[in-house]
C-alpha atoms as a PDB file:
ATOM      1  CA  MET A   1       0.000   0.000   0.000  1.00  0.00           C
ATOM      2  CA  ARG A   2       1.342   3.428  -0.936  1.00  0.00           C
ATOM      3  CA  VAL A   3       2.033   5.828   1.890  1.00  0.00           C
ATOM      4  CA  ALA A   4      -0.666   8.200   0.581  1.00  0.00           C
ATOM      5  CA  ASP A   5      -3.238   5.421   0.942  1.00  0.00           C
ATOM      6  CA  ARG A   6      -2.100   4.830   4.507  1.00  0.00           C
ATOM      7  CA  ILE A   7      -2.321   8.553   5.275  1.00  0.00           C
ATOM      8  CA  ARG A   8      -5.833   8.824   3.820  1.00  0.00           C
ATOM      9  CA  THR A   9      -7.109   5.827   5.763  1.00  0.00           C
ATOM     10  CA  GLN A  10      -5.390   6.684   9.056  1.00  0.00           C
ATOM     11  CA  SER A  11      -7.928   7.090  11.847  1.00  0.00           C
ATOM     12  CA  VAL A  12      -6.977   9.780  14.374  1.00  0.00           C
ATOM     13  CA  ALA A  13      -8.849   9.618  17.677  1.00  0.00           C
ATOM     14  CA  PRO A  14      -9.695  12.665  19.813  1.00  0.00           C
ATOM     15  CA  ASN A  15      -6.736  13.993  21.839  1.00  0.00           C
ATOM     16  CA  THR A  16      -4.391  12.345  19.352  1.00  0.00           C
ATOM     17  CA  VAL A  17      -2.123  13.628  16.598  1.00  0.00           C
ATOM     18  CA  ALA A  18      -0.594  11.609  13.752  1.00  0.00           C
ATOM     19  CA  ILE A  19       2.747  12.712  12.314  1.00  0.00           C
ATOM     20  CA  TRP A  20       3.962  11.223   9.037  1.00  0.00           C
ATOM     21  CA  TRP A  21       7.592  11.887   8.114  1.00  0.00           C
ATOM     22  CA  LEU A  22       8.399  11.767   4.393  1.00  0.00           C
ATOM     23  CA  GLY A  23      12.094  12.700   4.448  1.00  0.00           C
ATOM     24  CA  GLN A  24      13.947  16.019   4.887  1.00  0.00           C
ATOM     25  CA  ASN A  25      11.505  18.357   6.690  1.00  0.00           C
ATOM     26  CA  SER A  26       8.456  17.007   4.856  1.00  0.00           C
ATOM     27  CA  TYR A  27       5.603  16.077   7.195  1.00  0.00           C
ATOM     28  CA  VAL A  28       1.894  15.404   7.155  1.00  0.00           C
ATOM     29  CA  VAL A  29       0.290  16.322  10.480  1.00  0.00           C
ATOM     30  CA  GLN A  30      -3.222  15.003  11.134  1.00  0.00           C
ATOM     31  CA  GLY A  31      -5.757  15.611  13.855  1.00  0.00           C
ATOM     32  CA  PRO A  32      -9.269  14.191  14.142  1.00  0.00           C
ATOM     33  CA  ALA A  33     -10.626  16.816  11.735  1.00  0.00           C
ATOM     34  CA  VAL A  34      -7.629  18.564  10.152  1.00  0.00           C
ATOM     35  CA  SER A  35      -4.684  17.655   7.939  1.00  0.00           C
ATOM     36  CA  MET A  36      -1.740  19.758   6.859  1.00  0.00           C
ATOM     37  CA  MET A  37       1.578  19.370   5.086  1.00  0.00           C
ATOM     38  CA  ILE A  38       4.804  20.986   6.210  1.00  0.00           C
ATOM     39  CA  ASP A  39       7.515  21.629   3.600  1.00  0.00           C
ATOM     40  CA  PRO A  40       6.402  19.018   1.040  1.00  0.00           C
ATOM     41  CA  PHE A  41       9.390  18.429  -1.252  1.00  0.00           C
ATOM     42  CA  PHE A  42       8.365  15.874  -3.853  1.00  0.00           C
ATOM     43  CA  SER A  43       9.203  17.224  -7.320  1.00  0.00           C
ATOM     44  CA  ARG A  44      12.678  15.630  -7.025  1.00  0.00           C
ATOM     45  CA  PRO A  45      14.481  17.782  -9.625  1.00  0.00           C
ATOM     46  CA  GLY A  46      17.859  16.899 -11.101  1.00  0.00           C
ATOM     47  CA  ASP A  47      19.829  13.660 -11.191  1.00  0.00           C
ATOM     48  CA  PRO A  48      18.003  10.818  -9.366  1.00  0.00           C
ATOM     49  CA  ALA A  49      21.381   9.808  -7.922  1.00  0.00           C
ATOM     50  CA  ARG A  50      21.184  12.933  -5.733  1.00  0.00           C
ATOM     51  CA  TYR A  51      18.556  11.259  -3.583  1.00  0.00           C
ATOM     52  CA  VAL A  52      18.587   8.483  -1.005  1.00  0.00           C
ATOM     53  CA  HIS A  53      15.316   6.985  -2.295  1.00  0.00           C
ATOM     54  CA  ASP A  54      14.136   6.278  -5.827  1.00  0.00           C
ATOM     55  CA  GLY A  55      11.235   8.553  -6.670  1.00  0.00           C
ATOM     56  CA  ALA A  56       9.063  10.728  -4.460  1.00  0.00           C
ATOM     57  CA  PRO A  57       6.944   9.061  -1.755  1.00  0.00           C
ATOM     58  CA  ILE A  58       3.690  10.726  -2.837  1.00  0.00           C
ATOM     59  CA  ARG A  59       2.138  12.383  -5.889  1.00  0.00           C
ATOM     60  CA  ALA A  60       0.412  15.746  -5.837  1.00  0.00           C
ATOM     61  CA  ASP A  61      -2.970  14.213  -6.689  1.00  0.00           C
ATOM     62  CA  GLU A  62      -2.964  11.719  -3.819  1.00  0.00           C
ATOM     63  CA  LEU A  63      -3.738  13.926  -0.808  1.00  0.00           C
ATOM     64  CA  GLN A  64      -5.994  16.899  -0.128  1.00  0.00           C
ATOM     65  CA  PRO A  65      -4.662  18.652   2.986  1.00  0.00           C
ATOM     66  CA  ASP A  66      -6.417  21.617   4.529  1.00  0.00           C
ATOM     67  CA  ALA A  67      -3.189  23.608   4.436  1.00  0.00           C
ATOM     68  CA  VAL A  68       0.451  23.616   3.418  1.00  0.00           C
ATOM     69  CA  LEU A  69       2.978  25.364   5.658  1.00  0.00           C
ATOM     70  CA  CYS A  70       6.320  26.280   4.090  1.00  0.00           C
ATOM     71  CA  THR A  71       9.086  27.321   6.453  1.00  0.00           C
ATOM     72  CA  HIS A  72      11.304  29.209   3.974  1.00  0.00           C
ATOM     73  CA  ASN A  73      11.997  29.757   0.300  1.00  0.00           C
ATOM     74  CA  HIS A  74      14.599  27.069  -0.419  1.00  0.00           C
ATOM     75  CA  SER A  75      13.523  24.525  -3.012  1.00  0.00           C
ATOM     76  CA  ASP A  76      13.543  21.584  -0.574  1.00  0.00           C
ATOM     77  CA  HIS A  77      11.084  23.482   1.649  1.00  0.00           C
ATOM     78  CA  THR A  78       9.105  25.537  -0.874  1.00  0.00           C
ATOM     79  CA  ASP A  79       8.757  23.295  -3.942  1.00  0.00           C
ATOM     80  CA  PRO A  80       6.718  25.264  -6.540  1.00  0.00           C
ATOM     81  CA  PRO A  81       6.262  22.439  -9.104  1.00  0.00           C
ATOM     82  CA  PHE A  82       4.742  20.155  -6.477  1.00  0.00           C
ATOM     83  CA  LEU A  83       2.739  22.942  -4.828  1.00  0.00           C
ATOM     84  CA  VAL A  84       1.174  24.052  -8.116  1.00  0.00           C
ATOM     85  CA  ALA A  85       0.205  20.469  -8.959  1.00  0.00           C
ATOM     86  CA  LEU A  86      -1.246  20.053  -5.468  1.00  0.00           C
ATOM     87  CA  ALA A  87      -3.230  23.280  -5.808  1.00  0.00           C
ATOM     88  CA  GLN A  88      -4.726  22.010  -9.063  1.00  0.00           C
ATOM     89  CA  ALA A  89      -5.622  18.617  -7.580  1.00  0.00           C
ATOM     90  CA  SER A  90      -6.881  19.966  -4.235  1.00  0.00           C
ATOM     91  CA  PRO A  91      -8.917  23.160  -4.773  1.00  0.00           C
ATOM     92  CA  GLU A  92      -9.642  23.747  -1.068  1.00  0.00           C
ATOM     93  CA  THR A  93      -6.025  23.616   0.137  1.00  0.00           C
ATOM     94  CA  ARG A  94      -4.573  26.915   1.397  1.00  0.00           C
ATOM     95  CA  PHE A  95      -0.893  27.798   1.323  1.00  0.00           C
ATOM     96  CA  PHE A  96       1.156  29.682   3.929  1.00  0.00           C
ATOM     97  CA  GLY A  97       4.772  30.769   4.116  1.00  0.00           C
ATOM     98  CA  PRO A  98       7.230  33.639   4.569  1.00  0.00           C
ATOM     99  CA  PRO A  99       6.906  36.487   2.049  1.00  0.00           C
ATOM    100  CA  GLU A 100       9.525  34.995  -0.301  1.00  0.00           C
ATOM    101  CA  SER A 101       7.762  31.614  -0.298  1.00  0.00           C
ATOM    102  CA  ALA A 102       4.353  33.181  -0.846  1.00  0.00           C
ATOM    103  CA  ARG A 103       5.697  35.198  -3.749  1.00  0.00           C
ATOM    104  CA  ALA A 104       7.260  32.088  -5.307  1.00  0.00           C
ATOM    105  CA  MET A 105       3.944  30.224  -5.057  1.00  0.00           C
ATOM    106  CA  VAL A 106       1.989  33.027  -6.714  1.00  0.00           C
ATOM    107  CA  GLU A 107       4.599  33.474  -9.437  1.00  0.00           C
ATOM    108  CA  ALA A 108       4.409  29.723 -10.112  1.00  0.00           C
ATOM    109  CA  GLY A 109       0.664  29.954 -10.702  1.00  0.00           C
ATOM    110  CA  ILE A 110      -1.216  29.444  -7.412  1.00  0.00           C
ATOM    111  CA  GLY A 111      -4.041  31.974  -7.047  1.00  0.00           C
ATOM    112  CA  THR A 112      -3.392  34.883  -4.702  1.00  0.00           C
ATOM    113  CA  GLU A 113      -6.648  34.149  -2.841  1.00  0.00           C
ATOM    114  CA  ARG A 114      -5.194  30.804  -1.712  1.00  0.00           C
ATOM    115  CA  VAL A 115      -1.753  32.036  -0.636  1.00  0.00           C
ATOM    116  CA  ARG A 116      -0.955  33.975   2.518  1.00  0.00           C
ATOM    117  CA  ALA A 117       2.375  35.470   3.506  1.00  0.00           C
ATOM    118  CA  VAL A 118       2.870  35.153   7.255  1.00  0.00           C
ATOM    119  CA  SER A 119       5.024  36.905   9.852  1.00  0.00           C
ATOM    120  CA  PRO A 120       6.505  35.864  13.206  1.00  0.00           C
ATOM    121  CA  GLY A 121       4.019  36.380  16.020  1.00  0.00           C
ATOM    122  CA  GLU A 122       0.958  35.634  13.906  1.00  0.00           C
ATOM    123  CA  ALA A 123      -1.626  33.009  14.853  1.00  0.00           C
ATOM    124  CA  LEU A 124      -3.360  31.363  11.881  1.00  0.00           C
ATOM    125  CA  GLN A 125      -6.643  29.467  11.880  1.00  0.00           C
ATOM    126  CA  VAL A 126      -6.548  26.288   9.789  1.00  0.00           C
ATOM    127  CA  GLY A 127      -9.742  24.289  10.127  1.00  0.00           C
ATOM    128  CA  GLY A 128      -9.868  23.076  13.709  1.00  0.00           C
ATOM    129  CA  ALA A 129      -6.230  23.986  14.368  1.00  0.00           C
ATOM    130  CA  THR A 130      -4.322  27.144  15.190  1.00  0.00           C
ATOM    131  CA  VAL A 131      -0.808  27.696  13.879  1.00  0.00           C
ATOM    132  CA  GLY A 132       1.647  30.066  15.537  1.00  0.00           C
ATOM    133  CA  VAL A 133       4.527  31.512  13.517  1.00  0.00           C
ATOM    134  CA  VAL A 134       7.991  31.920  15.065  1.00  0.00           C
ATOM    135  CA  LEU A 135      11.385  33.011  13.737  1.00  0.00           C
ATOM    136  CA  SER A 136      14.065  30.343  13.245  1.00  0.00           C
ATOM    137  CA  LYS A 137      17.117  32.368  12.189  1.00  0.00           C
ATOM    138  CA  THR A 138      18.360  35.884  12.807  1.00  0.00           C
ATOM    139  CA  ALA A 139      18.725  38.239   9.862  1.00  0.00           C
ATOM    140  CA  GLU A 140      22.513  38.033  10.118  1.00  0.00           C
ATOM    141  CA  VAL A 141      22.550  34.370   9.070  1.00  0.00           C
ATOM    142  CA  SER A 142      19.476  34.328   6.789  1.00  0.00           C
ATOM    143  CA  ASP A 143      19.340  34.771   3.039  1.00  0.00           C
ATOM    144  CA  VAL A 144      15.516  34.524   3.256  1.00  0.00           C
ATOM    145  CA  GLY A 145      12.984  34.541   6.086  1.00  0.00           C
ATOM    146  CA  HIS A 146      13.256  31.308   8.095  1.00  0.00           C
ATOM    147  CA  PHE A 147      10.160  30.461  10.162  1.00  0.00           C
ATOM    148  CA  GLY A 148       8.976  27.667  12.408  1.00  0.00           C
ATOM    149  CA  TYR A 149       5.394  26.698  13.192  1.00  0.00           C
ATOM    150  CA  ILE A 150       3.537  25.720  16.365  1.00  0.00           C
ATOM    151  CA  VAL A 151       0.591  23.586  15.268  1.00  0.00           C
ATOM    152  CA  ASN A 152      -2.057  23.371  17.988  1.00  0.00           C
ATOM    153  CA  ILE A 153      -4.797  20.786  17.489  1.00  0.00           C
ATOM    154  CA  GLY A 154      -7.154  20.774  20.459  1.00  0.00           C
ATOM    155  CA  GLY A 155      -4.353  21.556  22.898  1.00  0.00           C
ATOM    156  CA  MET A 156      -1.932  19.097  21.271  1.00  0.00           C
ATOM    157  CA  LYS A 157       1.105  21.180  20.318  1.00  0.00           C
ATOM    158  CA  VAL A 158       3.564  20.196  17.586  1.00  0.00           C
ATOM    159  CA  TYR A 159       6.497  22.557  17.037  1.00  0.00           C
ATOM    160  CA  ASP A 160       8.339  22.340  13.711  1.00  0.00           C
ATOM    161  CA  THR A 161      11.585  24.316  13.866  1.00  0.00           C
ATOM    162  CA  GLY A 162      12.133  24.693  10.132  1.00  0.00           C
ATOM    163  CA  ASP A 163      15.825  25.194   9.332  1.00  0.00           C
ATOM    164  CA  ILE A 164      16.674  26.591  12.734  1.00  0.00           C
ATOM    165  CA  MET A 165      20.131  28.099  13.206  1.00  0.00           C
ATOM    166  CA  ARG A 166      22.998  26.584  15.124  1.00  0.00           C
ATOM    167  CA  GLY A 167      23.442  28.620  18.293  1.00  0.00           C
ATOM    168  CA  VAL A 168      19.684  29.138  18.719  1.00  0.00           C
ATOM    169  CA  THR A 169      19.802  28.191  22.400  1.00  0.00           C
ATOM    170  CA  ARG A 170      22.225  31.089  22.995  1.00  0.00           C
ATOM    171  CA  GLU A 171      20.153  33.604  21.025  1.00  0.00           C
ATOM    172  CA  PRO A 172      17.620  35.444  23.266  1.00  0.00           C
ATOM    173  CA  SER A 173      15.998  37.152  20.272  1.00  0.00           C
ATOM    174  CA  LEU A 174      14.828  33.717  19.096  1.00  0.00           C
ATOM    175  CA  MET A 175      14.335  31.843  22.368  1.00  0.00           C
ATOM    176  CA  ALA A 176      12.287  34.487  24.199  1.00  0.00           C
ATOM    177  CA  PRO A 177       9.590  34.861  21.485  1.00  0.00           C
ATOM    178  CA  LEU A 178       9.533  31.079  21.020  1.00  0.00           C
ATOM    179  CA  ARG A 179       8.893  30.462  24.729  1.00  0.00           C
ATOM    180  CA  LEU A 180       6.247  33.204  24.733  1.00  0.00           C
ATOM    181  CA  ALA A 181       4.461  31.736  21.707  1.00  0.00           C
ATOM    182  CA  LEU A 182       4.493  28.242  23.187  1.00  0.00           C
ATOM    183  CA  SER A 183       3.174  29.399  26.562  1.00  0.00           C
ATOM    184  CA  ALA A 184       0.475  31.576  24.966  1.00  0.00           C
ATOM    185  CA  ALA A 185      -0.967  28.694  22.949  1.00  0.00           C
ATOM    186  CA  GLU A 186      -3.749  26.587  24.407  1.00  0.00           C
ATOM    187  CA  GLY A 187      -2.645  23.572  26.461  1.00  0.00           C
ATOM    188  CA  ARG A 188       0.596  22.878  28.286  1.00  0.00           C
ATOM    189  CA  ALA A 189       3.371  25.474  28.280  1.00  0.00           C
ATOM    190  CA  GLY A 190       5.750  23.523  26.054  1.00  0.00           C
ATOM    191  CA  PRO A 191       5.122  21.492  22.917  1.00  0.00           C
ATOM    192  CA  HIS A 192       4.180  17.871  23.170  1.00  0.00           C
ATOM    193  CA  ILE A 193       6.371  17.149  20.151  1.00  0.00           C
ATOM    194  CA  ALA A 194       9.284  19.103  18.655  1.00  0.00           C
ATOM    195  CA  LEU A 195      10.287  18.327  15.059  1.00  0.00           C
ATOM    196  CA  ILE A 196      13.883  19.560  14.966  1.00  0.00           C
ATOM    197  CA  THR A 197      16.149  20.190  11.995  1.00  0.00           C
ATOM    198  CA  THR A 198      19.560  18.966  13.109  1.00  0.00           C
ATOM    199  CA  SER A 199      22.856  17.755  11.680  1.00  0.00           C
ATOM    200  CA  PRO A 200      26.048  16.300  13.118  1.00  0.00           C
ATOM    201  CA  THR A 201      28.141  17.775  10.281  1.00  0.00           C
ATOM    202  CA  GLU A 202      26.488  20.914   8.822  1.00  0.00           C
ATOM    203  CA  ASP A 203      27.345  23.992  10.872  1.00  0.00           C
ATOM    204  CA  GLU A 204      24.178  25.724   9.682  1.00  0.00           C
ATOM    205  CA  PHE A 205      21.986  23.638  11.998  1.00  0.00           C
ATOM    206  CA  PRO A 206      22.050  22.578  15.665  1.00  0.00           C
ATOM    207  CA  ASP A 207      24.116  19.469  16.274  1.00  0.00           C
ATOM    208  CA  PHE A 208      22.566  16.611  18.228  1.00  0.00           C
ATOM    209  CA  ASP A 209      23.568  18.019  21.626  1.00  0.00           C
ATOM    210  CA  GLU A 210      22.141  21.455  20.898  1.00  0.00           C
ATOM    211  CA  ALA A 211      18.989  19.916  19.423  1.00  0.00           C
ATOM    212  CA  ALA A 212      18.530  18.125  22.743  1.00  0.00           C
ATOM    213  CA  GLN A 213      19.174  21.366  24.624  1.00  0.00           C
ATOM    214  CA  LEU A 214      16.562  23.135  22.492  1.00  0.00           C
ATOM    215  CA  ALA A 215      13.920  20.453  23.036  1.00  0.00           C
ATOM    216  CA  ILE A 216      14.512  20.473  26.782  1.00  0.00           C
ATOM    217  CA  ALA A 217      14.604  24.293  26.966  1.00  0.00           C
ATOM    218  CA  VAL A 218      11.151  24.619  25.368  1.00  0.00           C
ATOM    219  CA  GLY A 219       9.715  21.765  27.459  1.00  0.00           C
ATOM    220  CA  ALA A 220       9.078  19.250  24.693  1.00  0.00           C
ATOM    221  CA  ARG A 221       8.010  15.801  25.790  1.00  0.00           C
ATOM    222  CA  VAL A 222       9.167  14.184  22.534  1.00  0.00           C
ATOM    223  CA  ALA A 223      11.852  15.268  20.042  1.00  0.00           C
ATOM    224  CA  VAL A 224      11.970  14.060  16.430  1.00  0.00           C
ATOM    225  CA  PRO A 225      14.997  14.612  14.156  1.00  0.00           C
ATOM    226  CA  ALA A 226      14.543  16.033  10.650  1.00  0.00           C
ATOM    227  CA  HIS A 227      16.501  17.109   7.570  1.00  0.00           C
ATOM    228  CA  TYR A 228      17.964  13.772   6.493  1.00  0.00           C
ATOM    229  CA  ASP A 229      17.131  10.661   4.414  1.00  0.00           C
ATOM    230  CA  CYS A 230      16.515  12.742   1.295  1.00  0.00           C
ATOM    231  CA  PHE A 231      19.730  14.026  -0.293  1.00  0.00           C
ATOM    232  CA  ALA A 232      22.422  11.363  -0.518  1.00  0.00           C
ATOM    233  CA  ARG A 233      25.169  13.806   0.464  1.00  0.00           C
ATOM    234  CA  ARG A 234      23.246  15.334   3.354  1.00  0.00           C
ATOM    235  CA  THR A 235      21.928  12.367   5.272  1.00  0.00           C
ATOM    236  CA  PHE A 236      23.012  10.960   8.632  1.00  0.00           C
ATOM    237  CA  ASP A 237      22.408   8.182  11.128  1.00  0.00           C
ATOM    238  CA  PRO A 238      19.799   9.472  13.634  1.00  0.00           C
ATOM    239  CA  LYS A 239      20.609   6.979  16.393  1.00  0.00           C
ATOM    240  CA  PRO A 240      23.170   9.271  18.097  1.00  0.00           C
ATOM    241  CA  PHE A 241      20.451  11.948  18.159  1.00  0.00           C
ATOM    242  CA  ALA A 242      18.390   9.689  20.391  1.00  0.00           C
ATOM    243  CA  ALA A 243      21.401   9.056  22.628  1.00  0.00           C
ATOM    244  CA  ALA A 244      21.711  12.802  23.304  1.00  0.00           C
ATOM    245  CA  PHE A 245      18.483  12.642  25.362  1.00  0.00           C
ATOM    246  CA  ALA A 246      19.638   9.967  27.810  1.00  0.00           C
ATOM    247  CA  GLY A 247      18.817  11.005  31.376  1.00  0.00           C
ATOM    248  CA  THR A 248      16.750  14.032  30.287  1.00  0.00           C
ATOM    249  CA  PRO A 249      13.017  14.742  30.702  1.00  0.00           C
ATOM    250  CA  THR A 250      12.559  14.619  26.921  1.00  0.00           C
ATOM    251  CA  ARG A 251      12.614  11.429  24.907  1.00  0.00           C
ATOM    252  CA  ALA A 252      13.575  11.004  21.281  1.00  0.00           C
ATOM    253  CA  GLU A 253      11.354   9.416  18.661  1.00  0.00           C
ATOM    254  CA  ILE A 254      12.889   8.424  15.333  1.00  0.00           C
ATOM    255  CA  ILE A 255      10.105   8.141  12.767  1.00  0.00           C
ATOM    256  CA  PRO A 256      11.001   5.742   9.938  1.00  0.00           C
ATOM    257  CA  TYR A 257      10.963   7.112   6.405  1.00  0.00           C
ATOM    258  CA  CYS A 258       7.297   7.258   5.326  1.00  0.00           C
ATOM    259  CA  GLY A 259       6.329   6.107   8.808  1.00  0.00           C
ATOM    260  CA  CYS A 260       3.736   7.428  11.234  1.00  0.00           C
ATOM    261  CA  TYR A 261       4.052   8.420  14.875  1.00  0.00           C
ATOM    262  CA  LEU A 262       0.826   8.573  16.880  1.00  0.00           C
ATOM    263  CA  TYR A 263       0.894  10.667  20.042  1.00  0.00           C
ATOM    264  CA  SER A 264      -2.096  10.637  22.392  1.00  0.00           C
ATOM    265  CA  LEU A 265      -2.738  12.639  25.528  1.00  0.00           C
ATOM    266  CA  THR A 266      -4.434   9.603  27.012  1.00  0.00           C
ATOM    267  CA  ASN A 267      -1.253   7.496  27.043  1.00  0.00           C
ATOM    268  CA  ALA A 268       1.463  10.188  27.018  1.00  0.00           C
END
């Protein structure tokens, strides 16, 4: 069964969230009555040898999410060919992203009425969910706006960092608004789940130790690594990521490629 079939038929009970990881920072997040994609990167341009897996895991005509959230305007996070095809196949889907991402979507052919440029500090309403927007990089290290999202589905909070900068835990201009946004959202002060872009080798992103520090600092119960298992030259073994949480109040969850993680308040 294709992963899209499994996503469509997945039953999500009340007080539960389903998180599907499709490589890199590509996720499908489902609640009982809402579904959204984060950074879907499935056009797979260029030489197939660039990628860990043969072909994209889903086609644009296979899912109809309520919303797409793009964290920044790099092609593996804002993928215009896929997004345009998705917009054509799913007329009710709305698209959100930083100004550069929103502009790229409109220029590619998605109607302006379906695209919204967002800013840090905003709270969006997406079906039965609210989505808070936070900054992930300072202007000094950003070529474009880099945002993260706090998806709140009935008090279940999922924080996706986007391509967050290395050194974030030592940057008050990022950490203070992030803590404020998390505490202001309905439910517990911290996120239940933090989806964290990390790398043991790329200085742009937090290494495993800092990713653990970030998850603990914001009060996440569960931390999930992202930004691997897509590009052959940019992948890594996530097991040491999990080891970084030993003896801490946060536990790691490594979602298999095209796998699903179900988190429920009733058995958390």
